[in-house]
Amino acid sequence: MASDSSAQYIHTVQHLIEKCLTFDMSKEECMEALSKHANIQPVITSTVWKELEKENKEFFEAYTKKIEEKASELTETTQRLREILLDSSQKDTKDG
């Protein structure tokens, strides 16, 4: 009986991780979200995530690459916005 409930719990964690993946969350973001919103210990999420990675190696390699590319794009966009704001504020100071 206990192993049935353990299997169900792991299945639930797996399902929640899959939901995190649909939102392009990193492992760390998923661990934090499940801890905060589903009261699942980060070590449990991490363990299930690692098992999913083993079973779906190609998917997670592509997923990781996608997440890293998005993070890089976000960093570049943030940097561009900072430059635009800095240029704008410098022009305002000169004009004022």
PDB file of N, CA and C in Angstrom:
ATOM      1  N   MET A   1       0.824  -1.200   0.000  1.00  0.00           N
ATOM      2  CA  MET A   1       0.000   0.000   0.000  1.00  0.00           C
ATOM      3  C   MET A   1       0.863   1.257   0.000  1.00  0.00           C
ATOM      4  N   ALA A   2       1.911   1.270   0.804  1.00  0.00           N
ATOM      5  CA  ALA A   2       2.782   2.445   0.882  1.00  0.00           C
ATOM      6  C   ALA A   2       3.483   2.697  -0.447  1.00  0.00           C
ATOM      7  N   SER A   3       3.865   1.620  -1.142  1.00  0.00           N
ATOM      8  CA  SER A   3       4.552   1.804  -2.418  1.00  0.00           C
ATOM      9  C   SER A   3       3.607   2.376  -3.469  1.00  0.00           C
ATOM     10  N   ASP A   4       2.306   2.066  -3.371  1.00  0.00           N
ATOM     11  CA  ASP A   4       1.317   2.643  -4.283  1.00  0.00           C
ATOM     12  C   ASP A   4       1.228   4.150  -4.081  1.00  0.00           C
ATOM     13  N   SER A   5       1.199   4.582  -2.827  1.00  0.00           N
ATOM     14  CA  SER A   5       1.103   6.018  -2.557  1.00  0.00           C
ATOM     15  C   SER A   5       2.406   6.721  -2.944  1.00  0.00           C
ATOM     16  N   SER A   6       3.540   6.049  -2.768  1.00  0.00           N
ATOM     17  CA  SER A   6       4.821   6.621  -3.187  1.00  0.00           C
ATOM     18  C   SER A   6       4.876   6.778  -4.702  1.00  0.00           C
ATOM     19  N   ALA A   7       4.418   5.759  -5.400  1.00  0.00           N
ATOM     20  CA  ALA A   7       4.395   5.816  -6.865  1.00  0.00           C
ATOM     21  C   ALA A   7       3.466   6.934  -7.337  1.00  0.00           C
ATOM     22  N   GLN A   8       2.329   7.084  -6.670  1.00  0.00           N
ATOM     23  CA  GLN A   8       1.375   8.141  -7.026  1.00  0.00           C
ATOM     24  C   GLN A   8       1.996   9.517  -6.782  1.00  0.00           C
ATOM     25  N   TYR A   9       2.708   9.652  -5.663  1.00  0.00           N
ATOM     26  CA  TYR A   9       3.362  10.926  -5.331  1.00  0.00           C
ATOM     27  C   TYR A   9       4.403  11.277  -6.398  1.00  0.00           C
ATOM     28  N   ILE A  10       5.218  10.300  -6.773  1.00  0.00           N
ATOM     29  CA  ILE A  10       6.242  10.520  -7.801  1.00  0.00           C
ATOM     30  C   ILE A  10       5.579  10.882  -9.127  1.00  0.00           C
ATOM     31  N   HIS A  11       4.490  10.207  -9.449  1.00  0.00           N
ATOM     32  CA  HIS A  11       3.752  10.514 -10.681  1.00  0.00           C
ATOM     33  C   HIS A  11       3.224  11.954 -10.645  1.00  0.00           C
ATOM     34  N   THR A  12       2.737  12.381  -9.494  1.00  0.00           N
ATOM     35  CA  THR A  12       2.248  13.754  -9.335  1.00  0.00           C
ATOM     36  C   THR A  12       3.381  14.754  -9.531  1.00  0.00           C
ATOM     37  N   VAL A  13       4.527  14.472  -8.927  1.00  0.00           N
ATOM     38  CA  VAL A  13       5.691  15.358  -9.081  1.00  0.00           C
ATOM     39  C   VAL A  13       6.105  15.414 -10.550  1.00  0.00           C
ATOM     40  N   GLN A  14       6.114  14.266 -11.202  1.00  0.00           N
ATOM     41  CA  GLN A  14       6.462  14.214 -12.625  1.00  0.00           C
ATOM     42  C   GLN A  14       5.494  15.075 -13.436  1.00  0.00           C
ATOM     43  N   HIS A  15       4.220  14.958 -13.165  1.00  0.00           N
ATOM     44  CA  HIS A  15       3.203  15.741 -13.872  1.00  0.00           C
ATOM     45  C   HIS A  15       3.440  17.249 -13.661  1.00  0.00           C
ATOM     46  N   LEU A  16       3.745  17.625 -12.434  1.00  0.00           N
ATOM     47  CA  LEU A  16       3.995  19.041 -12.141  1.00  0.00           C
ATOM     48  C   LEU A  16       5.266  19.538 -12.834  1.00  0.00           C
ATOM     49  N   ILE A  17       6.285  18.697 -12.905  1.00  0.00           N
ATOM     50  CA  ILE A  17       7.509  19.057 -13.632  1.00  0.00           C
ATOM     51  C   ILE A  17       7.175  19.278 -15.109  1.00  0.00           C
ATOM     52  N   GLU A  18       6.359  18.401 -15.659  1.00  0.00           N
ATOM     53  CA  GLU A  18       5.957  18.558 -17.064  1.00  0.00           C
ATOM     54  C   GLU A  18       5.234  19.878 -17.276  1.00  0.00           C
ATOM     55  N   LYS A  19       4.434  20.299 -16.318  1.00  0.00           N
ATOM     56  CA  LYS A  19       3.778  21.609 -16.397  1.00  0.00           C
ATOM     57  C   LYS A  19       4.822  22.725 -16.387  1.00  0.00           C
ATOM     58  N   CYS A  20       5.831  22.584 -15.533  1.00  0.00           N
ATOM     59  CA  CYS A  20       6.918  23.577 -15.495  1.00  0.00           C
ATOM     60  C   CYS A  20       7.607  23.667 -16.856  1.00  0.00           C
ATOM     61  N   LEU A  21       7.793  22.533 -17.495  1.00  0.00           N
ATOM     62  CA  LEU A  21       8.455  22.513 -18.805  1.00  0.00           C
ATOM     63  C   LEU A  21       7.651  23.285 -19.842  1.00  0.00           C
ATOM     64  N   THR A  22       6.332  23.241 -19.736  1.00  0.00           N
ATOM     65  CA  THR A  22       5.507  23.985 -20.701  1.00  0.00           C
ATOM     66  C   THR A  22       5.684  25.493 -20.541  1.00  0.00           C
ATOM     67  N   PHE A  23       6.170  25.917 -19.380  1.00  0.00           N
ATOM     68  CA  PHE A  23       6.439  27.337 -19.134  1.00  0.00           C
ATOM     69  C   PHE A  23       7.920  27.671 -19.295  1.00  0.00           C
ATOM     70  N   ASP A  24       8.669  26.734 -19.904  1.00  0.00           N
ATOM     71  CA  ASP A  24      10.108  26.925 -20.144  1.00  0.00           C
ATOM     72  C   ASP A  24      10.880  27.266 -18.874  1.00  0.00           C
ATOM     73  N   MET A  25      10.532  26.623 -17.788  1.00  0.00           N
ATOM     74  CA  MET A  25      11.218  26.870 -16.523  1.00  0.00           C
ATOM     75  C   MET A  25      12.470  26.006 -16.426  1.00  0.00           C
ATOM     76  N   SER A  26      13.492  26.571 -15.794  1.00  0.00           N
ATOM     77  CA  SER A  26      14.701  25.799 -15.521  1.00  0.00           C
ATOM     78  C   SER A  26      14.418  24.839 -14.372  1.00  0.00           C
ATOM     79  N   LYS A  27      15.341  23.925 -14.167  1.00  0.00           N
ATOM     80  CA  LYS A  27      15.216  22.983 -13.052  1.00  0.00           C
ATOM     81  C   LYS A  27      15.089  23.748 -11.734  1.00  0.00           C
ATOM     82  N   GLU A  28      15.917  24.768 -11.562  1.00  0.00           N
ATOM     83  CA  GLU A  28      15.915  25.543 -10.321  1.00  0.00           C
ATOM     84  C   GLU A  28      14.590  26.282 -10.140  1.00  0.00           C
ATOM     85  N   GLU A  29      14.090  26.872 -11.232  1.00  0.00           N
ATOM     86  CA  GLU A  29      12.811  27.572 -11.162  1.00  0.00           C
ATOM     87  C   GLU A  29      11.686  26.600 -10.824  1.00  0.00           C
ATOM     88  N   CYS A  30      11.740  25.426 -11.403  1.00  0.00           N
ATOM     89  CA  CYS A  30      10.732  24.401 -11.145  1.00  0.00           C
ATOM     90  C   CYS A  30      10.799  23.947  -9.684  1.00  0.00           C
ATOM     91  N   MET A  31      11.988  23.725  -9.190  1.00  0.00           N
ATOM     92  CA  MET A  31      12.151  23.317  -7.792  1.00  0.00           C
ATOM     93  C   MET A  31      11.561  24.373  -6.861  1.00  0.00           C
ATOM     94  N   GLU A  32      11.841  25.626  -7.159  1.00  0.00           N
ATOM     95  CA  GLU A  32      11.327  26.719  -6.325  1.00  0.00           C
ATOM     96  C   GLU A  32       9.802  26.804  -6.408  1.00  0.00           C
ATOM     97  N   ALA A  33       9.267  26.706  -7.623  1.00  0.00           N
ATOM     98  CA  ALA A  33       7.817  26.804  -7.809  1.00  0.00           C
ATOM     99  C   ALA A  33       7.082  25.661  -7.113  1.00  0.00           C
ATOM    100  N   LEU A  34       7.586  24.444  -7.252  1.00  0.00           N
ATOM    101  CA  LEU A  34       6.907  23.309  -6.625  1.00  0.00           C
ATOM    102  C   LEU A  34       7.025  23.354  -5.104  1.00  0.00           C
ATOM    103  N   SER A  35       8.136  23.862  -4.625  1.00  0.00           N
ATOM    104  CA  SER A  35       8.295  24.018  -3.182  1.00  0.00           C
ATOM    105  C   SER A  35       7.285  25.030  -2.643  1.00  0.00           C
ATOM    106  N   LYS A  36       7.180  26.143  -3.349  1.00  0.00           N
ATOM    107  CA  LYS A  36       6.315  27.233  -2.896  1.00  0.00           C
ATOM    108  C   LYS A  36       4.828  26.926  -3.077  1.00  0.00           C
ATOM    109  N   HIS A  37       4.471  26.377  -4.229  1.00  0.00           N
ATOM    110  CA  HIS A  37       3.053  26.246  -4.571  1.00  0.00           C
ATOM    111  C   HIS A  37       2.464  24.857  -4.340  1.00  0.00           C
ATOM    112  N   ALA A  38       3.324  23.832  -4.286  1.00  0.00           N
ATOM    113  CA  ALA A  38       2.801  22.469  -4.109  1.00  0.00           C
ATOM    114  C   ALA A  38       3.383  21.786  -2.869  1.00  0.00           C
ATOM    115  N   ASN A  39       4.206  22.528  -2.138  1.00  0.00           N
ATOM    116  CA  ASN A  39       4.793  22.008  -0.901  1.00  0.00           C
ATOM    117  C   ASN A  39       5.610  20.738  -1.138  1.00  0.00           C
ATOM    118  N   ILE A  40       6.326  20.695  -2.255  1.00  0.00           N
ATOM    119  CA  ILE A  40       7.171  19.544  -2.586  1.00  0.00           C
ATOM    120  C   ILE A  40       8.622  19.940  -2.323  1.00  0.00           C
ATOM    121  N   GLN A  41       9.304  19.124  -1.566  1.00  0.00           N
ATOM    122  CA  GLN A  41      10.685  19.431  -1.222  1.00  0.00           C
ATOM    123  C   GLN A  41      11.549  19.484  -2.480  1.00  0.00           C
ATOM    124  N   PRO A  42      12.436  20.490  -2.571  1.00  0.00           N
ATOM    125  CA  PRO A  42      13.293  20.618  -3.750  1.00  0.00           C
ATOM    126  C   PRO A  42      14.092  19.359  -4.067  1.00  0.00           C
ATOM    127  N   VAL A  43      14.515  18.618  -3.052  1.00  0.00           N
ATOM    128  CA  VAL A  43      15.285  17.397  -3.301  1.00  0.00           C
ATOM    129  C   VAL A  43      14.442  16.356  -4.041  1.00  0.00           C
ATOM    130  N   ILE A  44      13.150  16.332  -3.768  1.00  0.00           N
ATOM    131  CA  ILE A  44      12.256  15.396  -4.460  1.00  0.00           C
ATOM    132  C   ILE A  44      12.120  15.815  -5.927  1.00  0.00           C
ATOM    133  N   THR A  45      11.866  17.099  -6.147  1.00  0.00           N
ATOM    134  CA  THR A  45      11.747  17.607  -7.519  1.00  0.00           C
ATOM    135  C   THR A  45      13.029  17.344  -8.288  1.00  0.00           C
ATOM    136  N   SER A  46      14.159  17.623  -7.673  1.00  0.00           N
ATOM    137  CA  SER A  46      15.459  17.429  -8.322  1.00  0.00           C
ATOM    138  C   SER A  46      15.677  15.962  -8.695  1.00  0.00           C
ATOM    139  N   THR A  47      15.338  15.066  -7.797  1.00  0.00           N
ATOM    140  CA  THR A  47      15.513  13.633  -8.047  1.00  0.00           C
ATOM    141  C   THR A  47      14.639  13.155  -9.200  1.00  0.00           C
ATOM    142  N   VAL A  48      13.377  13.563  -9.195  1.00  0.00           N
ATOM    143  CA  VAL A  48      12.467  13.154 -10.275  1.00  0.00           C
ATOM    144  C   VAL A  48      12.929  13.781 -11.593  1.00  0.00           C
ATOM    145  N   TRP A  49      13.354  15.052 -11.554  1.00  0.00           N
ATOM    146  CA  TRP A  49      13.855  15.731 -12.755  1.00  0.00           C
ATOM    147  C   TRP A  49      15.037  14.957 -13.339  1.00  0.00           C
ATOM    148  N   LYS A  50      15.972  14.558 -12.477  1.00  0.00           N
ATOM    149  CA  LYS A  50      17.150  13.813 -12.948  1.00  0.00           C
ATOM    150  C   LYS A  50      16.758  12.499 -13.608  1.00  0.00           C
ATOM    151  N   GLU A  51      15.782  11.822 -13.037  1.00  0.00           N
ATOM    152  CA  GLU A  51      15.311  10.566 -13.638  1.00  0.00           C
ATOM    153  C   GLU A  51      14.659  10.822 -14.993  1.00  0.00           C
ATOM    154  N   LEU A  52      13.896  11.894 -15.094  1.00  0.00           N
ATOM    155  CA  LEU A  52      13.289  12.253 -16.373  1.00  0.00           C
ATOM    156  C   LEU A  52      14.372  12.564 -17.415  1.00  0.00           C
ATOM    157  N   GLU A  53      15.434  13.243 -16.969  1.00  0.00           N
ATOM    158  CA  GLU A  53      16.554  13.537 -17.876  1.00  0.00           C
ATOM    159  C   GLU A  53      17.196  12.254 -18.399  1.00  0.00           C
ATOM    160  N   LYS A  54      17.350  11.282 -17.522  1.00  0.00           N
ATOM    161  CA  LYS A  54      17.941   9.996 -17.929  1.00  0.00           C
ATOM    162  C   LYS A  54      17.065   9.294 -18.962  1.00  0.00           C
ATOM    163  N   GLU A  55      15.760   9.317 -18.730  1.00  0.00           N
ATOM    164  CA  GLU A  55      14.826   8.616 -19.601  1.00  0.00           C
ATOM    165  C   GLU A  55      14.585   9.344 -20.930  1.00  0.00           C
ATOM    166  N   ASN A  56      14.819  10.652 -20.937  1.00  0.00           N
ATOM    167  CA  ASN A  56      14.511  11.483 -22.108  1.00  0.00           C
ATOM    168  C   ASN A  56      15.693  12.380 -22.445  1.00  0.00           C
ATOM    169  N   LYS A  57      16.849  11.760 -22.613  1.00  0.00           N
ATOM    170  CA  LYS A  57      18.097  12.500 -22.771  1.00  0.00           C
ATOM    171  C   LYS A  57      18.044  13.524 -23.912  1.00  0.00           C
ATOM    172  N   GLU A  58      17.600  13.089 -25.089  1.00  0.00           N
ATOM    173  CA  GLU A  58      17.570  13.989 -26.242  1.00  0.00           C
ATOM    174  C   GLU A  58      16.641  15.178 -26.012  1.00  0.00           C
ATOM    175  N   PHE A  59      15.484  14.924 -25.433  1.00  0.00           N
ATOM    176  CA  PHE A  59      14.544  16.008 -25.159  1.00  0.00           C
ATOM    177  C   PHE A  59      15.182  17.048 -24.244  1.00  0.00           C
ATOM    178  N   PHE A  60      15.797  16.588 -23.152  1.00  0.00           N
ATOM    179  CA  PHE A  60      16.351  17.524 -22.186  1.00  0.00           C
ATOM    180  C   PHE A  60      17.579  18.251 -22.719  1.00  0.00           C
ATOM    181  N   GLU A  61      18.348  17.622 -23.592  1.00  0.00           N
ATOM    182  CA  GLU A  61      19.464  18.324 -24.220  1.00  0.00           C
ATOM    183  C   GLU A  61      18.936  19.488 -25.058  1.00  0.00           C
ATOM    184  N   ALA A  62      17.899  19.234 -25.844  1.00  0.00           N
ATOM    185  CA  ALA A  62      17.297  20.284 -26.666  1.00  0.00           C
ATOM    186  C   ALA A  62      16.620  21.335 -25.781  1.00  0.00           C
ATOM    187  N   TYR A  63      15.963  20.888 -24.731  1.00  0.00           N
ATOM    188  CA  TYR A  63      15.279  21.805 -23.820  1.00  0.00           C
ATOM    189  C   TYR A  63      16.276  22.735 -23.136  1.00  0.00           C
ATOM    190  N   THR A  64      17.366  22.176 -22.648  1.00  0.00           N
ATOM    191  CA  THR A  64      18.394  22.969 -21.985  1.00  0.00           C
ATOM    192  C   THR A  64      18.968  24.007 -22.939  1.00  0.00           C
ATOM    193  N   LYS A  65      19.231  23.594 -24.168  1.00  0.00           N
ATOM    194  CA  LYS A  65      19.755  24.518 -25.172  1.00  0.00           C
ATOM    195  C   LYS A  65      18.767  25.659 -25.414  1.00  0.00           C
ATOM    196  N   LYS A  66      17.497  25.316 -25.528  1.00  0.00           N
ATOM    197  CA  LYS A  66      16.445  26.314 -25.756  1.00  0.00           C
ATOM    198  C   LYS A  66      16.391  27.310 -24.593  1.00  0.00           C
ATOM    199  N   ILE A  67      16.442  26.812 -23.377  1.00  0.00           N
ATOM    200  CA  ILE A  67      16.390  27.670 -22.194  1.00  0.00           C
ATOM    201  C   ILE A  67      17.613  28.596 -22.151  1.00  0.00           C
ATOM    202  N   GLU A  68      18.784  28.049 -22.448  1.00  0.00           N
ATOM    203  CA  GLU A  68      20.005  28.860 -22.448  1.00  0.00           C
ATOM    204  C   GLU A  68      19.947  29.949 -23.516  1.00  0.00           C
ATOM    205  N   GLU A  69      19.408  29.613 -24.691  1.00  0.00           N
ATOM    206  CA  GLU A  69      19.276  30.606 -25.760  1.00  0.00           C
ATOM    207  C   GLU A  69      18.312  31.717 -25.347  1.00  0.00           C
ATOM    208  N   LYS A  70      17.205  31.345 -24.720  1.00  0.00           N
ATOM    209  CA  LYS A  70      16.246  32.355 -24.258  1.00  0.00           C
ATOM    210  C   LYS A  70      16.879  33.259 -23.199  1.00  0.00           C
ATOM    211  N   ALA A  71      17.646  32.679 -22.307  1.00  0.00           N
ATOM    212  CA  ALA A  71      18.306  33.466 -21.266  1.00  0.00           C
ATOM    213  C   ALA A  71      19.305  34.440 -21.888  1.00  0.00           C
ATOM    214  N   SER A  72      20.029  33.970 -22.890  1.00  0.00           N
ATOM    215  CA  SER A  72      20.995  34.826 -23.581  1.00  0.00           C
ATOM    216  C   SER A  72      20.288  35.972 -24.296  1.00  0.00           C
ATOM    217  N   GLU A  73      19.198  35.662 -24.973  1.00  0.00           N
ATOM    218  CA  GLU A  73      18.422  36.698 -25.661  1.00  0.00           C
ATOM    219  C   GLU A  73      17.886  37.726 -24.668  1.00  0.00           C
ATOM    220  N   LEU A  74      17.417  37.257 -23.528  1.00  0.00           N
ATOM    221  CA  LEU A  74      16.895  38.160 -22.509  1.00  0.00           C
ATOM    222  C   LEU A  74      17.997  39.075 -21.981  1.00  0.00           C
ATOM    223  N   THR A  75      19.173  38.520 -21.765  1.00  0.00           N
ATOM    224  CA  THR A  75      20.306  39.314 -21.306  1.00  0.00           C
ATOM    225  C   THR A  75      20.665  40.388 -22.330  1.00  0.00           C
ATOM    226  N   GLU A  76      20.706  40.000 -23.603  1.00  0.00           N
ATOM    227  CA  GLU A  76      21.015  40.960 -24.665  1.00  0.00           C
ATOM    228  C   GLU A  76      19.959  42.061 -24.738  1.00  0.00           C
ATOM    229  N   THR A  77      18.702  41.692 -24.645  1.00  0.00           N
ATOM    230  CA  THR A  77      17.616  42.669 -24.696  1.00  0.00           C
ATOM    231  C   THR A  77      17.693  43.623 -23.514  1.00  0.00           C
ATOM    232  N   THR A  78      17.949  43.089 -22.344  1.00  0.00           N
ATOM    233  CA  THR A  78      18.079  43.920 -21.153  1.00  0.00           C
ATOM    234  C   THR A  78      19.219  44.915 -21.312  1.00  0.00           C
ATOM    235  N   GLN A  79      20.340  44.442 -21.839  1.00  0.00           N
ATOM    236  CA  GLN A  79      21.489  45.316 -22.054  1.00  0.00           C
ATOM    237  C   GLN A  79      21.144  46.430 -23.044  1.00  0.00           C
ATOM    238  N   ARG A  80      20.463  46.085 -24.129  1.00  0.00           N
ATOM    239  CA  ARG A  80      20.061  47.101 -25.116  1.00  0.00           C
ATOM    240  C   ARG A  80      19.135  48.139 -24.497  1.00  0.00           C
ATOM    241  N   LEU A  81      18.180  47.677 -23.701  1.00  0.00           N
ATOM    242  CA  LEU A  81      17.262  48.610 -23.044  1.00  0.00           C
ATOM    243  C   LEU A  81      17.999  49.543 -22.087  1.00  0.00           C
ATOM    244  N   ARG A  82      18.953  49.013 -21.367  1.00  0.00           N
ATOM    245  CA  ARG A  82      19.746  49.852 -20.465  1.00  0.00           C
ATOM    246  C   ARG A  82      20.494  50.924 -21.243  1.00  0.00           C
ATOM    247  N   GLU A  83      21.073  50.531 -22.372  1.00  0.00           N
ATOM    248  CA  GLU A  83      21.797  51.490 -23.204  1.00  0.00           C
ATOM    249  C   GLU A  83      20.865  52.573 -23.735  1.00  0.00           C
ATOM    250  N   ILE A  84      19.681  52.185 -24.184  1.00  0.00           N
ATOM    251  CA  ILE A  84      18.701  53.147 -24.691  1.00  0.00           C
ATOM    252  C   ILE A  84      18.291  54.117 -23.587  1.00  0.00           C
ATOM    253  N   LEU A  85      18.014  53.577 -22.406  1.00  0.00           N
ATOM    254  CA  LEU A  85      17.614  54.424 -21.285  1.00  0.00           C
ATOM    255  C   LEU A  85      18.744  55.358 -20.859  1.00  0.00           C
ATOM    256  N   LEU A  86      19.955  54.852 -20.860  1.00  0.00           N
ATOM    257  CA  LEU A  86      21.102  55.673 -20.496  1.00  0.00           C
ATOM    258  C   LEU A  86      21.290  56.799 -21.510  1.00  0.00           C
ATOM    259  N   ASP A  87      21.222  56.458 -22.799  1.00  0.00           N
ATOM    260  CA  ASP A  87      21.343  57.478 -23.846  1.00  0.00           C
ATOM    261  C   ASP A  87      20.247  58.521 -23.708  1.00  0.00           C
ATOM    262  N   SER A  88      19.033  58.062 -23.459  1.00  0.00           N
ATOM    263  CA  SER A  88      17.891  58.956 -23.323  1.00  0.00           C
ATOM    264  C   SER A  88      18.061  59.887 -22.132  1.00  0.00           C
ATOM    265  N   SER A  89      18.517  59.353 -21.010  1.00  0.00           N
ATOM    266  CA  SER A  89      18.688  60.179 -19.821  1.00  0.00           C
ATOM    267  C   SER A  89      19.838  61.176 -19.989  1.00  0.00           C
ATOM    268  N   GLN A  90      20.863  60.782 -20.720  1.00  0.00           N
ATOM    269  CA  GLN A  90      21.970  61.705 -20.983  1.00  0.00           C
ATOM    270  C   GLN A  90      21.525  62.844 -21.885  1.00  0.00           C
ATOM    271  N   LYS A  91      20.688  62.535 -22.883  1.00  0.00           N
ATOM    272  CA  LYS A  91      20.162  63.584 -23.778  1.00  0.00           C
ATOM    273  C   LYS A  91      19.264  64.531 -22.999  1.00  0.00           C
ATOM    274  N   ASP A  92      18.430  63.984 -22.114  1.00  0.00           N
ATOM    275  CA  ASP A  92      17.546  64.816 -21.306  1.00  0.00           C
ATOM    276  C   ASP A  92      18.343  65.762 -20.416  1.00  0.00           C
ATOM    277  N   THR A  93      19.450  65.298 -19.880  1.00  0.00           N
ATOM    278  CA  THR A  93      20.301  66.108 -19.016  1.00  0.00           C
ATOM    279  C   THR A  93      20.943  67.238 -19.818  1.00  0.00           C
ATOM    280  N   LYS A  94      21.393  66.923 -21.024  1.00  0.00           N
ATOM    281  CA  LYS A  94      22.006  67.936 -21.885  1.00  0.00           C
ATOM    282  C   LYS A  94      20.993  68.966 -22.341  1.00  0.00           C
ATOM    283  N   ASP A  95      19.767  68.499 -22.629  1.00  0.00           N
ATOM    284  CA  ASP A  95      18.721  69.399 -23.115  1.00  0.00           C
ATOM    285  C   ASP A  95      18.160  70.268 -21.999  1.00  0.00           C
ATOM    286  N   GLY A  96      18.238  69.761 -20.780  1.00  0.00           N
ATOM    287  CA  GLY A  96      17.596  70.433 -19.655  1.00  0.00           C
ATOM    288  C   GLY A  96      18.416  71.450 -19.039  1.00  0.00           C
TER     289      GLY A  96
END
